[in-house]
Amino acid sequence: MNFTKKFMIVPVVALMLLISACGDSEKEQVRKGLEMGAEEFNKTAPHQIDEFTTAEKVVVGDGLHVSYYYTINQEAYIDAVGEDNLSQLVSAIAEIIKQQSCVNKEMRTALGLGAEFEYIYKTTTGRELGDIKVTEKDCKE
């Protein structure tokens, strides 16, 4: 499976929607941008990312915590690449997601202000595959 920028679509779109409001702090502006991005994304969700992956929803939690929920079509994935690869999927894409988060200017700004991005993966059968968390610390390693 080609794990490229397609996994970064949601956060980039969300951060590009940052708004400028007089008197708002940078963190407040980032939060508003994340909320607007999540709302826009969720209006038309789910989004098919590739033949195996569907982005289901985005949830902005406390502070600047954002969770992205993905579903992997288990049957199609196993048919294409095998059961063993399904178990290793999240660890295989974790570094790619972290790297892309750290080089994206908007995301790096949000991370610098304390944002946390979490990518949660499960299969169509409900099997939890794992999650990937990205914080500012990941960009300093």
C-alpha atoms as a PDB file:
ATOM      1  CA  MET A   1       0.000   0.000   0.000  1.00  0.00           C
ATOM      2  CA  ASN A   2       1.310   3.450  -0.823  1.00  0.00           C
ATOM      3  CA  PHE A   3       1.183   5.533   2.376  1.00  0.00           C
ATOM      4  CA  THR A   4       1.919   9.010   1.125  1.00  0.00           C
ATOM      5  CA  LYS A   5       0.376  12.389   1.764  1.00  0.00           C
ATOM      6  CA  LYS A   6      -3.145  10.962   1.561  1.00  0.00           C
ATOM      7  CA  PHE A   7      -3.019  10.319   5.301  1.00  0.00           C
ATOM      8  CA  MET A   8      -2.287  13.975   5.932  1.00  0.00           C
ATOM      9  CA  ILE A   9      -5.233  15.394   3.991  1.00  0.00           C
ATOM     10  CA  VAL A  10      -7.505  15.901   6.967  1.00  0.00           C
ATOM     11  CA  PRO A  11      -5.098  17.745   9.285  1.00  0.00           C
ATOM     12  CA  VAL A  12      -3.750  19.951   6.528  1.00  0.00           C
ATOM     13  CA  VAL A  13      -7.236  20.960   5.419  1.00  0.00           C
ATOM     14  CA  ALA A  14      -8.190  21.661   9.017  1.00  0.00           C
ATOM     15  CA  LEU A  15      -5.182  23.841   9.689  1.00  0.00           C
ATOM     16  CA  MET A  16      -5.544  25.717   6.428  1.00  0.00           C
ATOM     17  CA  LEU A  17      -8.927  26.883   7.702  1.00  0.00           C
ATOM     18  CA  LEU A  18      -7.361  28.874  10.541  1.00  0.00           C
ATOM     19  CA  ILE A  19      -9.229  32.090  11.078  1.00  0.00           C
ATOM     20  CA  SER A  20      -8.054  35.428  12.333  1.00  0.00           C
ATOM     21  CA  ALA A  21     -10.201  36.902  15.056  1.00  0.00           C
ATOM     22  CA  CYS A  22      -9.269  40.109  16.818  1.00  0.00           C
ATOM     23  CA  GLY A  23      -8.219  39.495  20.379  1.00  0.00           C
ATOM     24  CA  ASP A  24      -7.950  35.721  20.027  1.00  0.00           C
ATOM     25  CA  SER A  25      -4.722  34.075  21.084  1.00  0.00           C
ATOM     26  CA  GLU A  26      -2.824  31.888  18.665  1.00  0.00           C
ATOM     27  CA  LYS A  27      -4.084  28.781  20.471  1.00  0.00           C
ATOM     28  CA  GLU A  28      -7.678  29.990  20.213  1.00  0.00           C
ATOM     29  CA  GLN A  29      -7.210  30.629  16.502  1.00  0.00           C
ATOM     30  CA  VAL A  30      -5.742  27.154  15.987  1.00  0.00           C
ATOM     31  CA  ARG A  31      -8.583  25.550  17.949  1.00  0.00           C
ATOM     32  CA  LYS A  32     -11.183  27.428  15.901  1.00  0.00           C
ATOM     33  CA  GLY A  33      -9.442  26.341  12.713  1.00  0.00           C
ATOM     34  CA  LEU A  34      -9.358  22.725  13.849  1.00  0.00           C
ATOM     35  CA  GLU A  35     -13.037  22.823  14.803  1.00  0.00           C
ATOM     36  CA  MET A  36     -13.980  24.370  11.465  1.00  0.00           C
ATOM     37  CA  GLY A  37     -11.912  21.815   9.578  1.00  0.00           C
ATOM     38  CA  ALA A  38     -13.423  18.912  11.517  1.00  0.00           C
ATOM     39  CA  GLU A  39     -16.938  20.241  10.961  1.00  0.00           C
ATOM     40  CA  GLU A  40     -16.383  20.620   7.217  1.00  0.00           C
ATOM     41  CA  PHE A  41     -14.793  17.193   6.936  1.00  0.00           C
ATOM     42  CA  ASN A  42     -17.536  15.484   8.945  1.00  0.00           C
ATOM     43  CA  LYS A  43     -20.312  17.041   6.824  1.00  0.00           C
ATOM     44  CA  THR A  44     -19.339  14.836   3.906  1.00  0.00           C
ATOM     45  CA  ALA A  45     -17.738  11.880   5.744  1.00  0.00           C
ATOM     46  CA  PRO A  46     -16.884   9.128   5.283  1.00  0.00           C
ATOM     47  CA  HIS A  47     -14.121   9.694   2.723  1.00  0.00           C
ATOM     48  CA  GLN A  48     -12.563   6.841   0.771  1.00  0.00           C
ATOM     49  CA  ILE A  49      -8.789   7.404   0.928  1.00  0.00           C
ATOM     50  CA  ASP A  50      -7.702   4.392  -1.107  1.00  0.00           C
ATOM     51  CA  GLU A  51      -8.906   0.886  -1.933  1.00  0.00           C
ATOM     52  CA  PHE A  52      -8.507  -0.200   1.705  1.00  0.00           C
ATOM     53  CA  THR A  53      -8.830   2.923   3.831  1.00  0.00           C
ATOM     54  CA  THR A  54     -11.801   5.091   4.761  1.00  0.00           C
ATOM     55  CA  ALA A  55     -11.499   8.247   6.855  1.00  0.00           C
ATOM     56  CA  GLU A  56     -14.619   8.109   9.027  1.00  0.00           C
ATOM     57  CA  LYS A  57     -14.607  11.238  11.167  1.00  0.00           C
ATOM     58  CA  VAL A  58     -12.569  13.882  12.941  1.00  0.00           C
ATOM     59  CA  VAL A  59     -13.143  14.775  16.588  1.00  0.00           C
ATOM     60  CA  VAL A  60     -11.652  17.824  18.291  1.00  0.00           C
ATOM     61  CA  GLY A  61     -11.340  17.009  21.975  1.00  0.00           C
ATOM     62  CA  ASP A  62     -10.075  18.921  24.975  1.00  0.00           C
ATOM     63  CA  GLY A  63      -7.561  21.638  24.313  1.00  0.00           C
ATOM     64  CA  LEU A  64      -5.937  21.083  20.953  1.00  0.00           C
ATOM     65  CA  HIS A  65      -6.378  17.300  20.827  1.00  0.00           C
ATOM     66  CA  VAL A  66      -7.645  16.033  17.487  1.00  0.00           C
ATOM     67  CA  SER A  67      -8.582  12.419  16.730  1.00  0.00           C
ATOM     68  CA  TYR A  68      -8.851  11.069  13.202  1.00  0.00           C
ATOM     69  CA  TYR A  69     -10.759   7.799  12.813  1.00  0.00           C
ATOM     70  CA  TYR A  70      -9.925   5.428   9.972  1.00  0.00           C
ATOM     71  CA  THR A  71     -11.371   2.077   8.953  1.00  0.00           C
ATOM     72  CA  ILE A  72      -9.399  -0.512   7.002  1.00  0.00           C
ATOM     73  CA  ASN A  73     -11.346  -2.936   4.808  1.00  0.00           C
ATOM     74  CA  GLN A  74      -9.982  -6.063   6.442  1.00  0.00           C
ATOM     75  CA  GLU A  75     -11.073  -8.559   3.798  1.00  0.00           C
ATOM     76  CA  ALA A  76      -9.710  -6.548   0.873  1.00  0.00           C
ATOM     77  CA  TYR A  77      -6.468  -5.747   2.689  1.00  0.00           C
ATOM     78  CA  ILE A  78      -5.807  -9.373   3.666  1.00  0.00           C
ATOM     79  CA  ASP A  79      -6.614 -10.553   0.136  1.00  0.00           C
ATOM     80  CA  ALA A  80      -4.127  -8.037  -1.278  1.00  0.00           C
ATOM     81  CA  VAL A  81      -1.223  -8.166   1.183  1.00  0.00           C
ATOM     82  CA  GLY A  82      -1.883 -10.862   3.791  1.00  0.00           C
ATOM     83  CA  GLU A  83      -2.905 -11.184   7.424  1.00  0.00           C
ATOM     84  CA  ASP A  84       0.587 -10.555   8.812  1.00  0.00           C
ATOM     85  CA  ASN A  85       0.787  -7.191   7.085  1.00  0.00           C
ATOM     86  CA  LEU A  86      -2.565  -6.128   8.552  1.00  0.00           C
ATOM     87  CA  SER A  87      -1.210  -6.618  12.066  1.00  0.00           C
ATOM     88  CA  GLN A  88       1.788  -4.436  11.224  1.00  0.00           C
ATOM     89  CA  LEU A  89      -0.108  -1.737   9.360  1.00  0.00           C
ATOM     90  CA  VAL A  90      -0.195   0.945  12.058  1.00  0.00           C
ATOM     91  CA  SER A  91       3.464   0.580  13.003  1.00  0.00           C
ATOM     92  CA  ALA A  92       4.378   0.683   9.305  1.00  0.00           C
ATOM     93  CA  ILE A  93       2.724   4.048   8.720  1.00  0.00           C
ATOM     94  CA  ALA A  94       3.485   5.675  12.088  1.00  0.00           C
ATOM     95  CA  GLU A  95       6.836   7.137  11.077  1.00  0.00           C
ATOM     96  CA  ILE A  96       5.449   8.430   7.781  1.00  0.00           C
ATOM     97  CA  ILE A  97       2.622  10.246   9.542  1.00  0.00           C
ATOM     98  CA  LYS A  98       4.955  11.688  12.182  1.00  0.00           C
ATOM     99  CA  GLN A  99       7.469  12.836   9.596  1.00  0.00           C
ATOM    100  CA  GLN A 100       4.836  14.501   7.422  1.00  0.00           C
ATOM    101  CA  SER A 101       3.301  16.191  10.467  1.00  0.00           C
ATOM    102  CA  CYS A 102       6.656  17.650  11.442  1.00  0.00           C
ATOM    103  CA  VAL A 103       7.510  19.044   8.015  1.00  0.00           C
ATOM    104  CA  ASN A 104       4.086  20.572   7.373  1.00  0.00           C
ATOM    105  CA  LYS A 105       4.288  24.238   8.388  1.00  0.00           C
ATOM    106  CA  GLU A 106       0.696  24.562   9.647  1.00  0.00           C
ATOM    107  CA  MET A 107       0.792  21.333  11.612  1.00  0.00           C
ATOM    108  CA  ARG A 108       4.195  22.157  13.086  1.00  0.00           C
ATOM    109  CA  THR A 109       2.816  25.512  14.264  1.00  0.00           C
ATOM    110  CA  ALA A 110      -0.133  23.787  15.911  1.00  0.00           C
ATOM    111  CA  LEU A 111       2.142  21.166  17.488  1.00  0.00           C
ATOM    112  CA  GLY A 112       4.335  23.979  18.831  1.00  0.00           C
ATOM    113  CA  LEU A 113       1.274  25.438  20.546  1.00  0.00           C
ATOM    114  CA  GLY A 114       0.485  22.114  22.211  1.00  0.00           C
ATOM    115  CA  ALA A 115      -1.718  20.392  19.640  1.00  0.00           C
ATOM    116  CA  GLU A 116      -1.856  16.612  19.683  1.00  0.00           C
ATOM    117  CA  PHE A 117      -2.961  14.602  16.685  1.00  0.00           C
ATOM    118  CA  GLU A 118      -4.166  11.031  17.082  1.00  0.00           C
ATOM    119  CA  TYR A 119      -4.882   8.632  14.222  1.00  0.00           C
ATOM    120  CA  ILE A 120      -7.054   5.676  15.250  1.00  0.00           C
ATOM    121  CA  TYR A 121      -7.322   2.598  13.049  1.00  0.00           C
ATOM    122  CA  LYS A 122      -9.795  -0.283  13.150  1.00  0.00           C
ATOM    123  CA  THR A 123     -11.025  -2.827  10.645  1.00  0.00           C
ATOM    124  CA  THR A 124     -14.457  -3.160   9.103  1.00  0.00           C
ATOM    125  CA  THR A 125     -15.022  -6.043  11.530  1.00  0.00           C
ATOM    126  CA  GLY A 126     -14.313  -3.773  14.516  1.00  0.00           C
ATOM    127  CA  ARG A 127     -10.828  -5.106  15.255  1.00  0.00           C
ATOM    128  CA  GLU A 128      -8.661  -2.369  16.744  1.00  0.00           C
ATOM    129  CA  LEU A 129      -5.392  -2.081  14.857  1.00  0.00           C
ATOM    130  CA  GLY A 130      -3.905   0.664  16.996  1.00  0.00           C
ATOM    131  CA  ASP A 131      -3.366   4.364  17.060  1.00  0.00           C
ATOM    132  CA  ILE A 132      -0.650   6.845  16.259  1.00  0.00           C
ATOM    133  CA  LYS A 133      -0.124   9.928  18.400  1.00  0.00           C
ATOM    134  CA  VAL A 134       1.826  12.930  17.180  1.00  0.00           C
ATOM    135  CA  THR A 135       3.037  15.655  19.545  1.00  0.00           C
ATOM    136  CA  GLU A 136       5.694  18.334  19.348  1.00  0.00           C
ATOM    137  CA  LYS A 137       8.112  15.893  20.962  1.00  0.00           C
ATOM    138  CA  ASP A 138       7.952  13.732  17.833  1.00  0.00           C
ATOM    139  CA  CYS A 139       9.361  16.616  15.803  1.00  0.00           C
ATOM    140  CA  LYS A 140      12.370  17.032  18.053  1.00  0.00           C
ATOM    141  CA  GLU A 141      13.606  13.454  17.757  1.00  0.00           C
END
